[in-house]
Amino acid sequence: MRGLTDLLNQPSGRTFLRSCSAVLGDTRCGVSTNDPAYVVTLPVLSQTDQRDFVFINTGFNDRWFEQGHFAVASGQATGLTSAIKHDRLENGRHRITLWQALRGTIQVGDRVKLIAGCDRGAETCRAKFSNLVNFRGFPDMPGDDWLMSVPRSDDAGGGESLVR
């Protein structure tokens, strides 16, 4: 249920943060999550508790799919999606761990679509997606220490934290 004050919870305007405010794949981001450089569909080699899955080596780097999406493309659980917590290369295979177990049953051999993850940082946007031009954050914005700073005659202003 929502009350009349729910309208006060709706975003209005833009939030200024160091991290990007866009979501990977949306129009503000500009990266296509259908691009083969960022997505792969693979059969499941093994699974544990509908939360931990093993796939063949995708050719992608370790942690490439971390914070990305896991979408079931075939089998009884087709259409279910989840967020990826961990992606590790172990013995030449990708081990994907989800934040929550899926409600459906995924069998060995079912195909799953793995979409690259984004931590919404400027360096990730530049290095992983070559998309810094569409970065929607402010990585050089001063922090809270800057707000508390005052000029002092005994300090050379070396850039370290002002909170002591």
N, C-alpha and C. Protein backbone atom coordinates (compact mmCIF):
# COMPACT_ATOMS: atom_id res chain seq x y z
N MET A 1 0.84 -1.18 0.00
CA MET A 1 0.00 0.00 0.00
C MET A 1 0.88 1.24 0.00
N ARG A 2 0.39 2.23 -0.66
CA ARG A 2 1.11 3.50 -0.71
C ARG A 2 0.19 4.61 -0.25
N GLY A 3 0.73 5.49 0.55
CA GLY A 3 -0.04 6.62 1.03
C GLY A 3 0.22 7.86 0.19
N LEU A 4 -0.38 8.95 0.60
CA LEU A 4 -0.21 10.20 -0.14
C LEU A 4 1.23 10.71 -0.09
N THR A 5 1.96 10.36 0.95
CA THR A 5 3.34 10.82 1.07
C THR A 5 4.29 10.05 0.15
N ASP A 6 3.83 9.00 -0.52
CA ASP A 6 4.68 8.24 -1.43
C ASP A 6 5.20 9.12 -2.56
N LEU A 7 4.45 10.12 -2.94
CA LEU A 7 4.90 11.03 -4.00
C LEU A 7 6.17 11.75 -3.60
N LEU A 8 6.40 11.92 -2.29
CA LEU A 8 7.62 12.58 -1.83
C LEU A 8 8.85 11.69 -2.01
N ASN A 9 8.66 10.38 -2.19
CA ASN A 9 9.76 9.46 -2.38
C ASN A 9 10.19 9.33 -3.83
N GLN A 10 9.50 9.96 -4.75
CA GLN A 10 9.82 9.86 -6.17
C GLN A 10 11.00 10.76 -6.50
N PRO A 11 11.95 10.26 -7.29
CA PRO A 11 13.10 11.10 -7.64
C PRO A 11 12.69 12.30 -8.46
N SER A 12 13.29 13.43 -8.16
CA SER A 12 13.07 14.63 -8.97
C SER A 12 14.43 15.32 -9.10
N GLY A 13 14.88 15.44 -10.30
CA GLY A 13 16.19 16.02 -10.52
C GLY A 13 17.27 14.95 -10.55
N ARG A 14 18.50 15.39 -10.46
CA ARG A 14 19.64 14.49 -10.58
C ARG A 14 20.41 14.43 -9.27
N THR A 15 20.91 13.26 -8.95
CA THR A 15 21.74 13.07 -7.77
C THR A 15 23.20 13.14 -8.18
N PHE A 16 23.99 13.86 -7.41
CA PHE A 16 25.41 14.00 -7.72
C PHE A 16 26.19 13.04 -6.82
N LEU A 17 26.73 11.98 -7.43
CA LEU A 17 27.50 10.97 -6.73
C LEU A 17 28.79 10.71 -7.48
N ARG A 18 29.76 10.10 -6.81
CA ARG A 18 30.99 9.72 -7.49
C ARG A 18 30.73 8.58 -8.47
N SER A 19 29.80 7.70 -8.13
CA SER A 19 29.51 6.56 -9.00
C SER A 19 28.50 6.96 -10.07
N CYS A 20 28.40 6.14 -11.09
CA CYS A 20 27.51 6.39 -12.22
C CYS A 20 26.05 6.16 -11.82
N SER A 21 25.18 7.01 -12.29
CA SER A 21 23.75 6.87 -11.98
C SER A 21 23.00 6.06 -13.04
N ALA A 22 23.66 5.75 -14.15
CA ALA A 22 23.03 4.96 -15.21
C ALA A 22 23.09 3.48 -14.85
N VAL A 23 22.23 2.70 -15.48
CA VAL A 23 22.23 1.25 -15.32
C VAL A 23 22.80 0.66 -16.60
N LEU A 24 23.69 -0.32 -16.46
CA LEU A 24 24.31 -0.92 -17.63
C LEU A 24 23.24 -1.40 -18.60
N GLY A 25 23.32 -0.90 -19.83
CA GLY A 25 22.38 -1.30 -20.87
C GLY A 25 21.26 -0.31 -21.11
N ASP A 26 21.05 0.68 -20.22
CA ASP A 26 19.96 1.63 -20.47
C ASP A 26 20.42 2.70 -21.46
N THR A 27 19.51 3.56 -21.87
CA THR A 27 19.83 4.55 -22.90
C THR A 27 20.87 5.57 -22.44
N ARG A 28 20.88 5.89 -21.15
CA ARG A 28 21.86 6.84 -20.64
C ARG A 28 23.26 6.23 -20.65
N CYS A 29 23.36 4.93 -20.44
CA CYS A 29 24.64 4.23 -20.44
C CYS A 29 25.17 4.09 -21.86
N GLY A 30 24.34 3.59 -22.74
CA GLY A 30 24.74 3.44 -24.13
C GLY A 30 25.41 2.13 -24.48
N VAL A 31 25.75 1.31 -23.49
CA VAL A 31 26.35 0.00 -23.76
C VAL A 31 25.24 -0.99 -24.05
N SER A 32 25.38 -1.77 -25.11
CA SER A 32 24.37 -2.77 -25.44
C SER A 32 24.69 -4.07 -24.72
N THR A 33 23.75 -4.56 -23.93
CA THR A 33 23.96 -5.82 -23.24
C THR A 33 23.72 -7.01 -24.16
N ASN A 34 23.50 -6.76 -25.44
CA ASN A 34 23.43 -7.83 -26.44
C ASN A 34 24.73 -7.96 -27.22
N ASP A 35 25.67 -7.07 -26.95
CA ASP A 35 26.97 -7.09 -27.61
C ASP A 35 27.74 -8.33 -27.14
N PRO A 36 28.25 -9.15 -28.05
CA PRO A 36 29.00 -10.36 -27.67
C PRO A 36 30.22 -10.09 -26.79
N ALA A 37 30.67 -8.84 -26.73
CA ALA A 37 31.80 -8.50 -25.86
C ALA A 37 31.38 -8.48 -24.38
N TYR A 38 30.07 -8.44 -24.11
CA TYR A 38 29.59 -8.31 -22.74
C TYR A 38 28.59 -9.38 -22.32
N VAL A 39 28.27 -10.29 -23.20
CA VAL A 39 27.26 -11.31 -22.87
C VAL A 39 27.63 -12.64 -23.52
N VAL A 40 27.26 -13.73 -22.85
CA VAL A 40 27.50 -15.06 -23.40
C VAL A 40 26.38 -15.98 -22.92
N THR A 41 25.98 -16.93 -23.76
CA THR A 41 24.99 -17.94 -23.38
C THR A 41 25.67 -19.29 -23.38
N LEU A 42 25.59 -19.97 -22.23
CA LEU A 42 26.32 -21.22 -22.03
C LEU A 42 25.45 -22.28 -21.36
N PRO A 43 25.79 -23.56 -21.57
CA PRO A 43 25.10 -24.62 -20.82
C PRO A 43 25.72 -24.75 -19.42
N VAL A 44 24.88 -25.11 -18.46
CA VAL A 44 25.34 -25.33 -17.09
C VAL A 44 26.06 -26.68 -17.03
N LEU A 45 27.28 -26.69 -16.48
CA LEU A 45 28.02 -27.95 -16.31
C LEU A 45 27.65 -28.62 -14.98
N SER A 46 27.48 -27.82 -13.94
CA SER A 46 27.04 -28.34 -12.64
C SER A 46 26.44 -27.20 -11.83
N GLN A 47 25.66 -27.56 -10.82
CA GLN A 47 25.04 -26.55 -9.97
C GLN A 47 24.88 -27.11 -8.56
N THR A 48 24.85 -26.20 -7.59
CA THR A 48 24.65 -26.56 -6.19
C THR A 48 23.61 -25.61 -5.60
N ASP A 49 22.55 -26.15 -5.06
CA ASP A 49 21.52 -25.36 -4.36
C ASP A 49 20.87 -24.27 -5.21
N GLN A 50 20.87 -24.40 -6.53
CA GLN A 50 20.29 -23.41 -7.43
C GLN A 50 20.89 -22.02 -7.18
N ARG A 51 22.12 -22.00 -6.65
CA ARG A 51 22.79 -20.73 -6.34
C ARG A 51 24.22 -20.68 -6.87
N ASP A 52 24.90 -21.82 -6.91
CA ASP A 52 26.27 -21.91 -7.40
C ASP A 52 26.28 -22.71 -8.70
N PHE A 53 26.88 -22.15 -9.74
CA PHE A 53 26.87 -22.78 -11.06
C PHE A 53 28.28 -22.79 -11.64
N VAL A 54 28.58 -23.83 -12.39
CA VAL A 54 29.88 -23.95 -13.06
C VAL A 54 29.64 -24.00 -14.57
N PHE A 55 30.45 -23.22 -15.29
CA PHE A 55 30.37 -23.15 -16.75
C PHE A 55 31.76 -23.36 -17.33
N ILE A 56 31.81 -23.71 -18.62
CA ILE A 56 33.10 -23.81 -19.29
C ILE A 56 33.77 -22.44 -19.29
N ASN A 57 35.06 -22.40 -19.54
CA ASN A 57 35.76 -21.13 -19.62
C ASN A 57 35.19 -20.33 -20.78
N THR A 58 34.73 -19.15 -20.50
CA THR A 58 34.08 -18.31 -21.49
C THR A 58 35.05 -17.47 -22.30
N GLY A 59 36.29 -17.41 -21.85
CA GLY A 59 37.25 -16.52 -22.48
C GLY A 59 37.24 -15.14 -21.85
N PHE A 60 36.30 -14.89 -20.95
CA PHE A 60 36.24 -13.62 -20.24
C PHE A 60 37.12 -13.69 -19.00
N ASN A 61 37.57 -12.56 -18.53
CA ASN A 61 38.44 -12.48 -17.36
C ASN A 61 37.73 -12.89 -16.08
N ASP A 62 38.54 -13.19 -15.07
CA ASP A 62 38.04 -13.46 -13.73
C ASP A 62 37.24 -12.24 -13.25
N ARG A 63 36.11 -12.48 -12.64
CA ARG A 63 35.22 -11.47 -12.07
C ARG A 63 34.50 -10.62 -13.15
N TRP A 64 34.54 -11.03 -14.40
CA TRP A 64 33.92 -10.27 -15.49
C TRP A 64 32.41 -10.12 -15.29
N PHE A 65 31.75 -11.17 -14.83
CA PHE A 65 30.30 -11.15 -14.70
C PHE A 65 29.82 -10.74 -13.30
N GLU A 66 30.75 -10.47 -12.38
CA GLU A 66 30.39 -10.06 -11.04
C GLU A 66 29.57 -8.78 -11.09
N GLN A 67 28.49 -8.72 -10.34
CA GLN A 67 27.52 -7.63 -10.30
C GLN A 67 26.73 -7.54 -11.61
N GLY A 68 26.76 -8.62 -12.39
CA GLY A 68 26.01 -8.67 -13.62
C GLY A 68 24.71 -9.43 -13.43
N HIS A 69 24.16 -9.95 -14.53
CA HIS A 69 22.88 -10.65 -14.49
C HIS A 69 22.99 -12.06 -15.04
N PHE A 70 22.19 -12.92 -14.49
CA PHE A 70 22.11 -14.34 -14.81
C PHE A 70 20.68 -14.58 -15.27
N ALA A 71 20.48 -14.93 -16.53
CA ALA A 71 19.13 -15.14 -17.07
C ALA A 71 19.03 -16.54 -17.66
N VAL A 72 18.06 -17.31 -17.20
CA VAL A 72 17.88 -18.68 -17.67
C VAL A 72 17.23 -18.63 -19.05
N ALA A 73 17.88 -19.26 -20.04
CA ALA A 73 17.41 -19.20 -21.43
C ALA A 73 16.72 -20.48 -21.89
N SER A 74 16.88 -21.59 -21.16
CA SER A 74 16.20 -22.83 -21.56
C SER A 74 15.95 -23.69 -20.33
N GLY A 75 15.04 -24.63 -20.46
CA GLY A 75 14.71 -25.53 -19.36
C GLY A 75 13.48 -25.10 -18.60
N GLN A 76 13.22 -25.75 -17.47
CA GLN A 76 12.02 -25.46 -16.67
C GLN A 76 12.00 -24.05 -16.10
N ALA A 77 13.17 -23.47 -15.85
CA ALA A 77 13.25 -22.16 -15.21
C ALA A 77 13.41 -21.01 -16.21
N THR A 78 13.11 -21.25 -17.47
CA THR A 78 13.27 -20.23 -18.50
C THR A 78 12.59 -18.93 -18.09
N GLY A 79 13.31 -17.84 -18.25
CA GLY A 79 12.76 -16.53 -17.92
C GLY A 79 13.16 -16.01 -16.55
N LEU A 80 13.63 -16.88 -15.66
CA LEU A 80 14.05 -16.42 -14.34
C LEU A 80 15.40 -15.70 -14.45
N THR A 81 15.56 -14.66 -13.65
CA THR A 81 16.81 -13.91 -13.63
C THR A 81 17.26 -13.69 -12.19
N SER A 82 18.54 -13.42 -12.04
CA SER A 82 19.09 -13.14 -10.72
C SER A 82 20.35 -12.31 -10.88
N ALA A 83 20.76 -11.67 -9.80
CA ALA A 83 21.99 -10.90 -9.80
C ALA A 83 23.17 -11.80 -9.42
N ILE A 84 24.31 -11.56 -10.04
CA ILE A 84 25.50 -12.37 -9.79
C ILE A 84 26.32 -11.74 -8.67
N LYS A 85 26.61 -12.54 -7.66
CA LYS A 85 27.41 -12.09 -6.53
C LYS A 85 28.90 -12.26 -6.79
N HIS A 86 29.31 -13.46 -7.20
CA HIS A 86 30.72 -13.76 -7.45
C HIS A 86 30.88 -14.44 -8.80
N ASP A 87 32.00 -14.18 -9.45
CA ASP A 87 32.41 -14.86 -10.68
C ASP A 87 33.90 -15.13 -10.55
N ARG A 88 34.26 -16.40 -10.43
CA ARG A 88 35.65 -16.76 -10.26
C ARG A 88 36.07 -17.78 -11.31
N LEU A 89 37.27 -17.63 -11.82
CA LEU A 89 37.86 -18.64 -12.70
C LEU A 89 38.57 -19.65 -11.82
N GLU A 90 38.12 -20.90 -11.86
CA GLU A 90 38.72 -21.97 -11.07
C GLU A 90 38.96 -23.17 -11.97
N ASN A 91 40.19 -23.60 -12.07
CA ASN A 91 40.55 -24.75 -12.89
C ASN A 91 40.05 -24.62 -14.33
N GLY A 92 40.14 -23.42 -14.87
CA GLY A 92 39.74 -23.20 -16.25
C GLY A 92 38.23 -23.14 -16.47
N ARG A 93 37.47 -22.99 -15.41
CA ARG A 93 36.01 -22.88 -15.53
C ARG A 93 35.51 -21.70 -14.72
N HIS A 94 34.37 -21.16 -15.14
CA HIS A 94 33.75 -20.06 -14.40
C HIS A 94 32.82 -20.63 -13.33
N ARG A 95 33.01 -20.19 -12.10
CA ARG A 95 32.10 -20.52 -11.01
C ARG A 95 31.32 -19.26 -10.69
N ILE A 96 30.02 -19.32 -10.94
CA ILE A 96 29.12 -18.18 -10.71
C ILE A 96 28.30 -18.45 -9.45
N THR A 97 28.28 -17.47 -8.54
CA THR A 97 27.46 -17.56 -7.34
C THR A 97 26.45 -16.43 -7.38
N LEU A 98 25.18 -16.77 -7.19
CA LEU A 98 24.11 -15.78 -7.19
C LEU A 98 23.88 -15.24 -5.79
N TRP A 99 23.30 -14.06 -5.70
CA TRP A 99 22.96 -13.50 -4.39
C TRP A 99 21.88 -14.33 -3.71
N GLN A 100 20.90 -14.80 -4.50
CA GLN A 100 19.82 -15.62 -3.95
C GLN A 100 19.59 -16.81 -4.88
N ALA A 101 19.20 -17.92 -4.27
CA ALA A 101 18.88 -19.11 -5.07
C ALA A 101 17.65 -18.82 -5.93
N LEU A 102 17.66 -19.38 -7.12
CA LEU A 102 16.51 -19.22 -8.01
C LEU A 102 15.35 -20.07 -7.51
N ARG A 103 14.15 -19.64 -7.78
CA ARG A 103 12.95 -20.38 -7.34
C ARG A 103 12.65 -21.57 -8.22
N GLY A 104 13.15 -21.55 -9.43
CA GLY A 104 12.93 -22.67 -10.34
C GLY A 104 14.11 -23.64 -10.29
N THR A 105 13.95 -24.74 -11.00
CA THR A 105 14.98 -25.77 -11.02
C THR A 105 15.78 -25.66 -12.32
N ILE A 106 17.09 -25.54 -12.17
CA ILE A 106 17.98 -25.50 -13.32
C ILE A 106 18.75 -26.81 -13.34
N GLN A 107 18.68 -27.50 -14.46
CA GLN A 107 19.35 -28.79 -14.63
C GLN A 107 20.67 -28.61 -15.38
N VAL A 108 21.56 -29.57 -15.24
CA VAL A 108 22.79 -29.59 -16.02
C VAL A 108 22.39 -29.63 -17.50
N GLY A 109 23.00 -28.78 -18.29
CA GLY A 109 22.69 -28.70 -19.72
C GLY A 109 21.76 -27.55 -20.09
N ASP A 110 20.99 -27.03 -19.10
CA ASP A 110 20.16 -25.86 -19.38
C ASP A 110 21.06 -24.69 -19.76
N ARG A 111 20.59 -23.86 -20.68
CA ARG A 111 21.40 -22.73 -21.14
C ARG A 111 21.07 -21.49 -20.33
N VAL A 112 22.14 -20.74 -20.01
CA VAL A 112 22.01 -19.54 -19.20
C VAL A 112 22.75 -18.40 -19.89
N LYS A 113 22.14 -17.24 -19.87
CA LYS A 113 22.75 -16.03 -20.44
C LYS A 113 23.42 -15.26 -19.30
N LEU A 114 24.72 -15.01 -19.43
CA LEU A 114 25.48 -14.26 -18.44
C LEU A 114 25.79 -12.89 -19.02
N ILE A 115 25.41 -11.84 -18.28
CA ILE A 115 25.63 -10.47 -18.73
C ILE A 115 26.67 -9.83 -17.82
N ALA A 116 27.64 -9.17 -18.43
CA ALA A 116 28.75 -8.55 -17.69
C ALA A 116 28.24 -7.64 -16.59
N GLY A 117 29.03 -7.52 -15.55
CA GLY A 117 28.67 -6.66 -14.43
C GLY A 117 29.40 -5.33 -14.47
N CYS A 118 28.81 -4.36 -13.81
CA CYS A 118 29.38 -3.03 -13.74
C CYS A 118 29.31 -2.55 -12.29
N ASP A 119 30.45 -2.08 -11.76
CA ASP A 119 30.45 -1.56 -10.40
C ASP A 119 30.17 -0.06 -10.36
N ARG A 120 29.85 0.51 -11.50
CA ARG A 120 29.47 1.91 -11.67
C ARG A 120 30.61 2.89 -11.35
N GLY A 121 31.84 2.41 -11.46
CA GLY A 121 33.00 3.26 -11.25
C GLY A 121 33.53 3.80 -12.58
N ALA A 122 34.18 4.95 -12.53
CA ALA A 122 34.72 5.58 -13.74
C ALA A 122 35.78 4.70 -14.40
N GLU A 123 36.64 4.09 -13.60
CA GLU A 123 37.72 3.26 -14.17
C GLU A 123 37.14 2.03 -14.87
N THR A 124 36.11 1.43 -14.30
CA THR A 124 35.45 0.28 -14.94
C THR A 124 34.81 0.71 -16.25
N CYS A 125 34.17 1.85 -16.24
CA CYS A 125 33.51 2.37 -17.44
C CYS A 125 34.54 2.58 -18.56
N ARG A 126 35.70 3.09 -18.19
CA ARG A 126 36.74 3.35 -19.18
C ARG A 126 37.41 2.07 -19.66
N ALA A 127 37.85 1.25 -18.72
CA ALA A 127 38.67 0.09 -19.07
C ALA A 127 37.85 -1.08 -19.60
N LYS A 128 36.74 -1.38 -18.97
CA LYS A 128 35.97 -2.58 -19.33
C LYS A 128 35.01 -2.33 -20.49
N PHE A 129 34.37 -1.14 -20.50
CA PHE A 129 33.34 -0.89 -21.50
C PHE A 129 33.72 0.17 -22.53
N SER A 130 34.88 0.81 -22.38
CA SER A 130 35.31 1.89 -23.29
C SER A 130 34.18 2.90 -23.48
N ASN A 131 33.60 3.33 -22.37
CA ASN A 131 32.38 4.13 -22.44
C ASN A 131 32.44 5.34 -21.50
N LEU A 132 33.63 5.85 -21.24
CA LEU A 132 33.77 6.96 -20.30
C LEU A 132 33.00 8.20 -20.74
N VAL A 133 32.81 8.35 -22.03
CA VAL A 133 32.07 9.52 -22.54
C VAL A 133 30.63 9.53 -22.02
N ASN A 134 30.06 8.38 -21.72
CA ASN A 134 28.68 8.30 -21.21
C ASN A 134 28.63 8.11 -19.68
N PHE A 135 29.76 8.22 -19.01
CA PHE A 135 29.79 8.04 -17.55
C PHE A 135 28.93 9.13 -16.90
N ARG A 136 28.03 8.73 -16.03
CA ARG A 136 27.07 9.65 -15.42
C ARG A 136 27.37 9.94 -13.95
N GLY A 137 28.62 9.84 -13.57
CA GLY A 137 29.02 10.13 -12.20
C GLY A 137 30.00 11.29 -12.15
N PHE A 138 30.44 11.61 -10.95
CA PHE A 138 31.36 12.72 -10.74
C PHE A 138 32.52 12.22 -9.87
N PRO A 139 33.47 11.48 -10.47
CA PRO A 139 34.52 10.83 -9.69
C PRO A 139 35.48 11.81 -9.01
N ASP A 140 35.56 13.04 -9.48
CA ASP A 140 36.49 14.01 -8.91
C ASP A 140 35.81 14.97 -7.94
N MET A 141 34.58 14.66 -7.57
CA MET A 141 33.85 15.49 -6.64
C MET A 141 34.53 15.42 -5.26
N PRO A 142 34.73 16.56 -4.60
CA PRO A 142 35.39 16.53 -3.29
C PRO A 142 34.54 15.77 -2.27
N GLY A 143 35.23 15.14 -1.33
CA GLY A 143 34.54 14.37 -0.30
C GLY A 143 34.19 15.21 0.92
N ASP A 144 33.77 14.53 1.97
CA ASP A 144 33.35 15.22 3.19
C ASP A 144 34.51 15.94 3.87
N ASP A 145 35.73 15.42 3.76
CA ASP A 145 36.88 16.09 4.37
C ASP A 145 37.05 17.49 3.80
N TRP A 146 36.80 17.65 2.53
CA TRP A 146 36.95 18.95 1.89
C TRP A 146 35.96 19.94 2.48
N LEU A 147 34.76 19.50 2.77
CA LEU A 147 33.75 20.38 3.33
C LEU A 147 34.16 20.92 4.70
N MET A 148 34.94 20.11 5.43
CA MET A 148 35.35 20.50 6.78
C MET A 148 36.67 21.27 6.79
N SER A 149 37.28 21.45 5.65
CA SER A 149 38.60 22.07 5.60
C SER A 149 38.52 23.57 5.88
N VAL A 150 39.56 24.05 6.51
CA VAL A 150 39.70 25.48 6.76
C VAL A 150 41.16 25.84 6.49
N PRO A 151 41.43 27.04 6.04
CA PRO A 151 42.83 27.42 5.82
C PRO A 151 43.56 27.54 7.15
N ARG A 152 44.80 27.04 7.19
CA ARG A 152 45.62 27.13 8.39
C ARG A 152 47.01 27.58 7.98
N SER A 153 47.59 28.43 8.78
CA SER A 153 48.92 28.95 8.45
C SER A 153 50.02 27.94 8.74
N ASP A 154 49.74 26.95 9.61
CA ASP A 154 50.78 25.98 9.97
C ASP A 154 50.77 24.73 9.11
N ASP A 155 49.95 24.69 8.08
CA ASP A 155 49.80 23.49 7.25
C ASP A 155 50.12 23.82 5.79
N ALA A 156 50.91 22.98 5.17
CA ALA A 156 51.29 23.19 3.77
C ALA A 156 50.21 22.68 2.82
N GLY A 157 49.16 22.03 3.33
CA GLY A 157 48.09 21.53 2.46
C GLY A 157 48.55 20.39 1.59
N GLY A 158 49.09 19.34 2.20
CA GLY A 158 49.65 18.22 1.46
C GLY A 158 48.64 17.28 0.86
N GLY A 159 47.35 17.48 1.09
CA GLY A 159 46.33 16.65 0.46
C GLY A 159 45.83 15.51 1.34
N GLU A 160 46.43 15.33 2.53
CA GLU A 160 45.96 14.23 3.40
C GLU A 160 44.66 14.64 4.10
N SER A 161 44.07 13.68 4.79
CA SER A 161 42.81 13.90 5.48
C SER A 161 42.96 15.02 6.49
N LEU A 162 41.95 15.86 6.61
CA LEU A 162 41.97 16.96 7.56
C LEU A 162 41.41 16.56 8.91
N VAL A 163 40.76 15.40 8.97
CA VAL A 163 40.19 14.92 10.22
C VAL A 163 41.29 14.21 10.99
N ARG A 164 41.57 14.66 12.20
CA ARG A 164 42.64 14.06 13.00
C ARG A 164 42.16 13.67 14.35
